ModelCIF file with pLDDT and N, C-alpha, C, O atoms, coordinates in Angstrom:
data_MODEL
#
_entry.id   MODEL 
#
_entity.id                         1 
_entity.type                       polymer 
_entity.pdbx_number_of_molecules   1 
#
_entity_poly.entity_id                      1 
_entity_poly.type                           'polypeptide(L)' 
_entity_poly.nstd_linkage                   no 
_entity_poly.nstd_monomer                   no 
_entity_poly.pdbx_seq_one_letter_code       PHLPVTADEIAQSALEAAEAGAAIVHLHA 
_entity_poly.pdbx_seq_one_letter_code_can   PHLPVTADEIAQSALEAAEAGAAIVHLHA 
_entity_poly.pdbx_strand_id                 A 
#
loop_
_entity_poly_seq.entity_id 
_entity_poly_seq.num 
_entity_poly_seq.mon_id 
_entity_poly_seq.hetero 
1 1  PRO n 
1 2  HIS n 
1 3  LEU n 
1 4  PRO n 
1 5  VAL n 
1 6  THR n 
1 7  ALA n 
1 8  ASP n 
1 9  GLU n 
1 10 ILE n 
1 11 ALA n 
1 12 GLN n 
1 13 SER n 
1 14 ALA n 
1 15 LEU n 
1 16 GLU n 
1 17 ALA n 
1 18 ALA n 
1 19 GLU n 
1 20 ALA n 
1 21 GLY n 
1 22 ALA n 
1 23 ALA n 
1 24 ILE n 
1 25 VAL n 
1 26 HIS n 
1 27 LEU n 
1 28 HIS n 
1 29 ALA n 
#
_struct_asym.id          A 
_struct_asym.entity_id   1 
#
loop_
_ma_qa_metric.id 
_ma_qa_metric.mode 
_ma_qa_metric.name 
_ma_qa_metric.software_group_id 
_ma_qa_metric.type 
1 global pLDDT . pLDDT 
2 local  pLDDT . pLDDT 
#
_ma_qa_metric_global.metric_id      1 
_ma_qa_metric_global.metric_value   98.14 
_ma_qa_metric_global.model_id       1 
_ma_qa_metric_global.ordinal_id     1 
#
loop_
_ma_qa_metric_local.label_asym_id 
_ma_qa_metric_local.label_comp_id 
_ma_qa_metric_local.label_seq_id 
_ma_qa_metric_local.metric_id 
_ma_qa_metric_local.metric_value 
_ma_qa_metric_local.model_id 
_ma_qa_metric_local.ordinal_id 
A PRO 1  2 98.00 1 1  
A HIS 2  2 98.00 1 2  
A LEU 3  2 98.00 1 3  
A PRO 4  2 98.00 1 4  
A VAL 5  2 98.00 1 5  
A THR 6  2 98.00 1 6  
A ALA 7  2 98.00 1 7  
A ASP 8  2 98.00 1 8  
A GLU 9  2 98.00 1 9  
A ILE 10 2 98.00 1 10 
A ALA 11 2 98.00 1 11 
A GLN 12 2 98.00 1 12 
A SER 13 2 98.00 1 13 
A ALA 14 2 98.00 1 14 
A LEU 15 2 98.00 1 15 
A GLU 16 2 98.00 1 16 
A ALA 17 2 99.00 1 17 
A ALA 18 2 98.00 1 18 
A GLU 19 2 98.00 1 19 
A ALA 20 2 98.00 1 20 
A GLY 21 2 98.00 1 21 
A ALA 22 2 99.00 1 22 
A ALA 23 2 98.00 1 23 
A ILE 24 2 99.00 1 24 
A VAL 25 2 99.00 1 25 
A HIS 26 2 98.00 1 26 
A LEU 27 2 98.00 1 27 
A HIS 28 2 98.00 1 28 
A ALA 29 2 98.00 1 29 
#
loop_
_atom_site.group_PDB 
_atom_site.id 
_atom_site.type_symbol 
_atom_site.label_atom_id 
_atom_site.label_alt_id 
_atom_site.label_comp_id 
_atom_site.label_asym_id 
_atom_site.label_entity_id 
_atom_site.label_seq_id 
_atom_site.pdbx_PDB_ins_code 
_atom_site.Cartn_x 
_atom_site.Cartn_y 
_atom_site.Cartn_z 
_atom_site.occupancy 
_atom_site.B_iso_or_equiv 
_atom_site.pdbx_formal_charge 
_atom_site.auth_seq_id 
_atom_site.auth_comp_id 
_atom_site.auth_asym_id 
_atom_site.auth_atom_id 
_atom_site.pdbx_PDB_model_num 
ATOM 1   N N  . PRO A 1 1  ? 26.852 29.280 -38.960 1.00 98.00 ? 1  PRO A N  1 
ATOM 2   C CA . PRO A 1 1  ? 25.101 28.644 -39.620 1.00 98.00 ? 1  PRO A CA 1 
ATOM 3   C C  . PRO A 1 1  ? 25.473 29.301 -41.245 1.00 98.00 ? 1  PRO A C  1 
ATOM 4   O O  . PRO A 1 1  ? 24.529 29.938 -41.712 1.00 98.00 ? 1  PRO A O  1 
ATOM 5   N N  . HIS A 1 2  ? 26.313 29.246 -41.850 1.00 98.00 ? 2  HIS A N  1 
ATOM 6   C CA . HIS A 1 2  ? 26.495 30.075 -43.449 1.00 98.00 ? 2  HIS A CA 1 
ATOM 7   C C  . HIS A 1 2  ? 27.117 28.963 -44.190 1.00 98.00 ? 2  HIS A C  1 
ATOM 8   O O  . HIS A 1 2  ? 27.343 28.823 -45.392 1.00 98.00 ? 2  HIS A O  1 
ATOM 9   N N  . LEU A 1 3  ? 27.344 28.177 -43.129 1.00 98.00 ? 3  LEU A N  1 
ATOM 10  C CA . LEU A 1 3  ? 27.761 26.597 -44.058 1.00 98.00 ? 3  LEU A CA 1 
ATOM 11  C C  . LEU A 1 3  ? 27.438 25.649 -44.929 1.00 98.00 ? 3  LEU A C  1 
ATOM 12  O O  . LEU A 1 3  ? 27.634 24.604 -44.307 1.00 98.00 ? 3  LEU A O  1 
ATOM 13  N N  . PRO A 1 4  ? 26.881 25.253 -46.503 1.00 98.00 ? 4  PRO A N  1 
ATOM 14  C CA . PRO A 1 4  ? 25.583 25.003 -47.198 1.00 98.00 ? 4  PRO A CA 1 
ATOM 15  C C  . PRO A 1 4  ? 25.802 23.136 -46.661 1.00 98.00 ? 4  PRO A C  1 
ATOM 16  O O  . PRO A 1 4  ? 26.937 22.722 -46.423 1.00 98.00 ? 4  PRO A O  1 
ATOM 17  N N  . VAL A 1 5  ? 24.877 22.436 -46.569 1.00 98.00 ? 5  VAL A N  1 
ATOM 18  C CA . VAL A 1 5  ? 24.595 21.825 -45.914 1.00 98.00 ? 5  VAL A CA 1 
ATOM 19  C C  . VAL A 1 5  ? 24.500 20.206 -46.865 1.00 98.00 ? 5  VAL A C  1 
ATOM 20  O O  . VAL A 1 5  ? 25.158 19.244 -47.262 1.00 98.00 ? 5  VAL A O  1 
ATOM 21  N N  . THR A 1 6  ? 22.809 20.980 -46.820 1.00 98.00 ? 6  THR A N  1 
ATOM 22  C CA . THR A 1 6  ? 21.759 20.415 -47.714 1.00 98.00 ? 6  THR A CA 1 
ATOM 23  C C  . THR A 1 6  ? 22.048 20.493 -49.007 1.00 98.00 ? 6  THR A C  1 
ATOM 24  O O  . THR A 1 6  ? 22.354 21.622 -49.389 1.00 98.00 ? 6  THR A O  1 
ATOM 25  N N  . ALA A 1 7  ? 22.048 19.269 -50.151 1.00 98.00 ? 7  ALA A N  1 
ATOM 26  C CA . ALA A 1 7  ? 22.011 19.525 -52.040 1.00 98.00 ? 7  ALA A CA 1 
ATOM 27  C C  . ALA A 1 7  ? 20.897 20.992 -52.290 1.00 98.00 ? 7  ALA A C  1 
ATOM 28  O O  . ALA A 1 7  ? 20.747 21.644 -53.323 1.00 98.00 ? 7  ALA A O  1 
ATOM 29  N N  . ASP A 1 8  ? 20.405 21.133 -51.288 1.00 98.00 ? 8  ASP A N  1 
ATOM 30  C CA . ASP A 1 8  ? 19.458 22.746 -52.040 1.00 98.00 ? 8  ASP A CA 1 
ATOM 31  C C  . ASP A 1 8  ? 20.478 23.152 -51.062 1.00 98.00 ? 8  ASP A C  1 
ATOM 32  O O  . ASP A 1 8  ? 21.236 23.638 -51.902 1.00 98.00 ? 8  ASP A O  1 
ATOM 33  N N  . GLU A 1 9  ? 21.191 23.367 -49.782 1.00 98.00 ? 9  GLU A N  1 
ATOM 34  C CA . GLU A 1 9  ? 22.198 24.615 -49.864 1.00 98.00 ? 9  GLU A CA 1 
ATOM 35  C C  . GLU A 1 9  ? 23.393 24.356 -50.597 1.00 98.00 ? 9  GLU A C  1 
ATOM 36  O O  . GLU A 1 9  ? 24.124 25.114 -51.234 1.00 98.00 ? 9  GLU A O  1 
ATOM 37  N N  . ILE A 1 10 ? 23.432 23.418 -50.429 1.00 98.00 ? 10 ILE A N  1 
ATOM 38  C CA . ILE A 1 10 ? 25.132 23.183 -52.342 1.00 98.00 ? 10 ILE A CA 1 
ATOM 39  C C  . ILE A 1 10 ? 24.367 23.813 -52.911 1.00 98.00 ? 10 ILE A C  1 
ATOM 40  O O  . ILE A 1 10 ? 24.245 24.993 -52.582 1.00 98.00 ? 10 ILE A O  1 
ATOM 41  N N  . ALA A 1 11 ? 23.633 23.322 -53.882 1.00 98.00 ? 11 ALA A N  1 
ATOM 42  C CA . ALA A 1 11 ? 23.150 23.538 -55.232 1.00 98.00 ? 11 ALA A CA 1 
ATOM 43  C C  . ALA A 1 11 ? 22.881 25.251 -55.383 1.00 98.00 ? 11 ALA A C  1 
ATOM 44  O O  . ALA A 1 11 ? 22.993 25.710 -56.520 1.00 98.00 ? 11 ALA A O  1 
ATOM 45  N N  . GLN A 1 12 ? 22.544 26.153 -54.307 1.00 98.00 ? 12 GLN A N  1 
ATOM 46  C CA . GLN A 1 12 ? 21.731 27.601 -54.066 1.00 98.00 ? 12 GLN A CA 1 
ATOM 47  C C  . GLN A 1 12 ? 22.421 27.817 -54.179 1.00 98.00 ? 12 GLN A C  1 
ATOM 48  O O  . GLN A 1 12 ? 22.513 28.410 -55.254 1.00 98.00 ? 12 GLN A O  1 
ATOM 49  N N  . SER A 1 13 ? 24.146 27.676 -53.183 1.00 98.00 ? 13 SER A N  1 
ATOM 50  C CA . SER A 1 13 ? 25.120 28.531 -52.740 1.00 98.00 ? 13 SER A CA 1 
ATOM 51  C C  . SER A 1 13 ? 26.517 28.356 -53.748 1.00 98.00 ? 13 SER A C  1 
ATOM 52  O O  . SER A 1 13 ? 27.658 28.664 -53.401 1.00 98.00 ? 13 SER A O  1 
ATOM 53  N N  . ALA A 1 14 ? 26.095 27.739 -55.178 1.00 98.00 ? 14 ALA A N  1 
ATOM 54  C CA . ALA A 1 14 ? 26.962 27.246 -55.675 1.00 98.00 ? 14 ALA A CA 1 
ATOM 55  C C  . ALA A 1 14 ? 26.749 27.357 -57.067 1.00 98.00 ? 14 ALA A C  1 
ATOM 56  O O  . ALA A 1 14 ? 27.476 26.850 -57.920 1.00 98.00 ? 14 ALA A O  1 
ATOM 57  N N  . LEU A 1 15 ? 25.128 28.437 -57.406 1.00 98.00 ? 15 LEU A N  1 
ATOM 58  C CA . LEU A 1 15 ? 24.346 28.750 -58.600 1.00 98.00 ? 15 LEU A CA 1 
ATOM 59  C C  . LEU A 1 15 ? 24.812 30.621 -57.791 1.00 98.00 ? 15 LEU A C  1 
ATOM 60  O O  . LEU A 1 15 ? 25.356 31.509 -58.448 1.00 98.00 ? 15 LEU A O  1 
ATOM 61  N N  . GLU A 1 16 ? 24.446 30.736 -56.470 1.00 98.00 ? 16 GLU A N  1 
ATOM 62  C CA . GLU A 1 16 ? 25.347 32.186 -56.342 1.00 98.00 ? 16 GLU A CA 1 
ATOM 63  C C  . GLU A 1 16 ? 26.676 32.494 -57.197 1.00 98.00 ? 16 GLU A C  1 
ATOM 64  O O  . GLU A 1 16 ? 27.187 33.151 -58.104 1.00 98.00 ? 16 GLU A O  1 
ATOM 65  N N  . ALA A 1 17 ? 26.824 31.596 -56.289 1.00 99.00 ? 17 ALA A N  1 
ATOM 66  C CA . ALA A 1 17 ? 28.419 32.033 -56.658 1.00 99.00 ? 17 ALA A CA 1 
ATOM 67  C C  . ALA A 1 17 ? 29.560 31.879 -58.189 1.00 99.00 ? 17 ALA A C  1 
ATOM 68  O O  . ALA A 1 17 ? 30.759 31.917 -58.462 1.00 99.00 ? 17 ALA A O  1 
ATOM 69  N N  . ALA A 1 18 ? 27.979 31.655 -58.983 1.00 98.00 ? 18 ALA A N  1 
ATOM 70  C CA . ALA A 1 18 ? 28.720 31.557 -59.926 1.00 98.00 ? 18 ALA A CA 1 
ATOM 71  C C  . ALA A 1 18 ? 27.967 32.999 -61.089 1.00 98.00 ? 18 ALA A C  1 
ATOM 72  O O  . ALA A 1 18 ? 28.338 33.394 -62.194 1.00 98.00 ? 18 ALA A O  1 
ATOM 73  N N  . GLU A 1 19 ? 26.889 33.413 -60.250 1.00 98.00 ? 19 GLU A N  1 
ATOM 74  C CA . GLU A 1 19 ? 25.827 34.184 -60.779 1.00 98.00 ? 19 GLU A CA 1 
ATOM 75  C C  . GLU A 1 19 ? 26.669 35.558 -59.982 1.00 98.00 ? 19 GLU A C  1 
ATOM 76  O O  . GLU A 1 19 ? 26.039 36.583 -60.242 1.00 98.00 ? 19 GLU A O  1 
ATOM 77  N N  . ALA A 1 20 ? 27.627 35.787 -59.294 1.00 98.00 ? 20 ALA A N  1 
ATOM 78  C CA . ALA A 1 20 ? 28.923 36.376 -58.447 1.00 98.00 ? 20 ALA A CA 1 
ATOM 79  C C  . ALA A 1 20 ? 29.896 36.844 -59.852 1.00 98.00 ? 20 ALA A C  1 
ATOM 80  O O  . ALA A 1 20 ? 30.347 37.860 -60.380 1.00 98.00 ? 20 ALA A O  1 
ATOM 81  N N  . GLY A 1 21 ? 29.869 35.434 -60.029 1.00 98.00 ? 21 GLY A N  1 
ATOM 82  C CA . GLY A 1 21 ? 31.761 35.972 -61.256 1.00 98.00 ? 21 GLY A CA 1 
ATOM 83  C C  . GLY A 1 21 ? 32.219 34.581 -61.246 1.00 98.00 ? 21 GLY A C  1 
ATOM 84  O O  . GLY A 1 21 ? 33.017 34.315 -62.145 1.00 98.00 ? 21 GLY A O  1 
ATOM 85  N N  . ALA A 1 22 ? 31.851 33.451 -60.300 1.00 99.00 ? 22 ALA A N  1 
ATOM 86  C CA . ALA A 1 22 ? 32.720 31.907 -60.413 1.00 99.00 ? 22 ALA A CA 1 
ATOM 87  C C  . ALA A 1 22 ? 31.794 31.643 -61.594 1.00 99.00 ? 22 ALA A C  1 
ATOM 88  O O  . ALA A 1 22 ? 30.596 31.755 -61.854 1.00 99.00 ? 22 ALA A O  1 
ATOM 89  N N  . ALA A 1 23 ? 33.747 30.944 -62.626 1.00 98.00 ? 23 ALA A N  1 
ATOM 90  C CA . ALA A 1 23 ? 33.651 30.242 -63.330 1.00 98.00 ? 23 ALA A CA 1 
ATOM 91  C C  . ALA A 1 23 ? 33.826 29.424 -63.520 1.00 98.00 ? 23 ALA A C  1 
ATOM 92  O O  . ALA A 1 23 ? 33.912 28.914 -64.637 1.00 98.00 ? 23 ALA A O  1 
ATOM 93  N N  . ILE A 1 24 ? 34.015 28.725 -62.016 1.00 99.00 ? 24 ILE A N  1 
ATOM 94  C CA . ILE A 1 24 ? 34.080 27.350 -61.464 1.00 99.00 ? 24 ILE A CA 1 
ATOM 95  C C  . ILE A 1 24 ? 33.563 27.088 -60.089 1.00 99.00 ? 24 ILE A C  1 
ATOM 96  O O  . ILE A 1 24 ? 33.425 27.962 -59.234 1.00 99.00 ? 24 ILE A O  1 
ATOM 97  N N  . VAL A 1 25 ? 33.272 25.760 -59.930 1.00 99.00 ? 25 VAL A N  1 
ATOM 98  C CA . VAL A 1 25 ? 32.856 25.382 -58.481 1.00 99.00 ? 25 VAL A CA 1 
ATOM 99  C C  . VAL A 1 25 ? 33.492 24.170 -58.403 1.00 99.00 ? 25 VAL A C  1 
ATOM 100 O O  . VAL A 1 25 ? 33.617 23.281 -59.246 1.00 99.00 ? 25 VAL A O  1 
ATOM 101 N N  . HIS A 1 26 ? 33.870 24.260 -57.289 1.00 98.00 ? 26 HIS A N  1 
ATOM 102 C CA . HIS A 1 26 ? 34.498 22.778 -56.352 1.00 98.00 ? 26 HIS A CA 1 
ATOM 103 C C  . HIS A 1 26 ? 32.887 22.290 -55.582 1.00 98.00 ? 26 HIS A C  1 
ATOM 104 O O  . HIS A 1 26 ? 31.868 22.889 -55.237 1.00 98.00 ? 26 HIS A O  1 
ATOM 105 N N  . LEU A 1 27 ? 33.252 21.222 -55.573 1.00 98.00 ? 27 LEU A N  1 
ATOM 106 C CA . LEU A 1 27 ? 31.918 20.781 -54.872 1.00 98.00 ? 27 LEU A CA 1 
ATOM 107 C C  . LEU A 1 27 ? 32.282 19.557 -53.771 1.00 98.00 ? 27 LEU A C  1 
ATOM 108 O O  . LEU A 1 27 ? 33.335 18.998 -53.462 1.00 98.00 ? 27 LEU A O  1 
ATOM 109 N N  . HIS A 1 28 ? 31.502 19.482 -53.528 1.00 98.00 ? 28 HIS A N  1 
ATOM 110 C CA . HIS A 1 28 ? 31.985 17.987 -52.225 1.00 98.00 ? 28 HIS A CA 1 
ATOM 111 C C  . HIS A 1 28 ? 30.764 18.081 -51.706 1.00 98.00 ? 28 HIS A C  1 
ATOM 112 O O  . HIS A 1 28 ? 30.069 19.084 -51.868 1.00 98.00 ? 28 HIS A O  1 
ATOM 113 N N  . ALA A 1 29 ? 30.162 16.423 -50.630 1.00 98.00 ? 29 ALA A N  1 
ATOM 114 C CA . ALA A 1 29 ? 28.987 16.354 -50.397 1.00 98.00 ? 29 ALA A CA 1 
ATOM 115 C C  . ALA A 1 29 ? 29.140 16.139 -48.695 1.00 98.00 ? 29 ALA A C  1 
ATOM 116 O O  . ALA A 1 29 ? 28.134 16.016 -47.996 1.00 98.00 ? 29 ALA A O  1 
#
């Protein structure tokens, strides 16, 4: 249930990952 699917979920999850320390986010749609 935690897999990001919508654009909002993907964006929010990527931003949270960056805040946690990811320098790069790798993205699919």
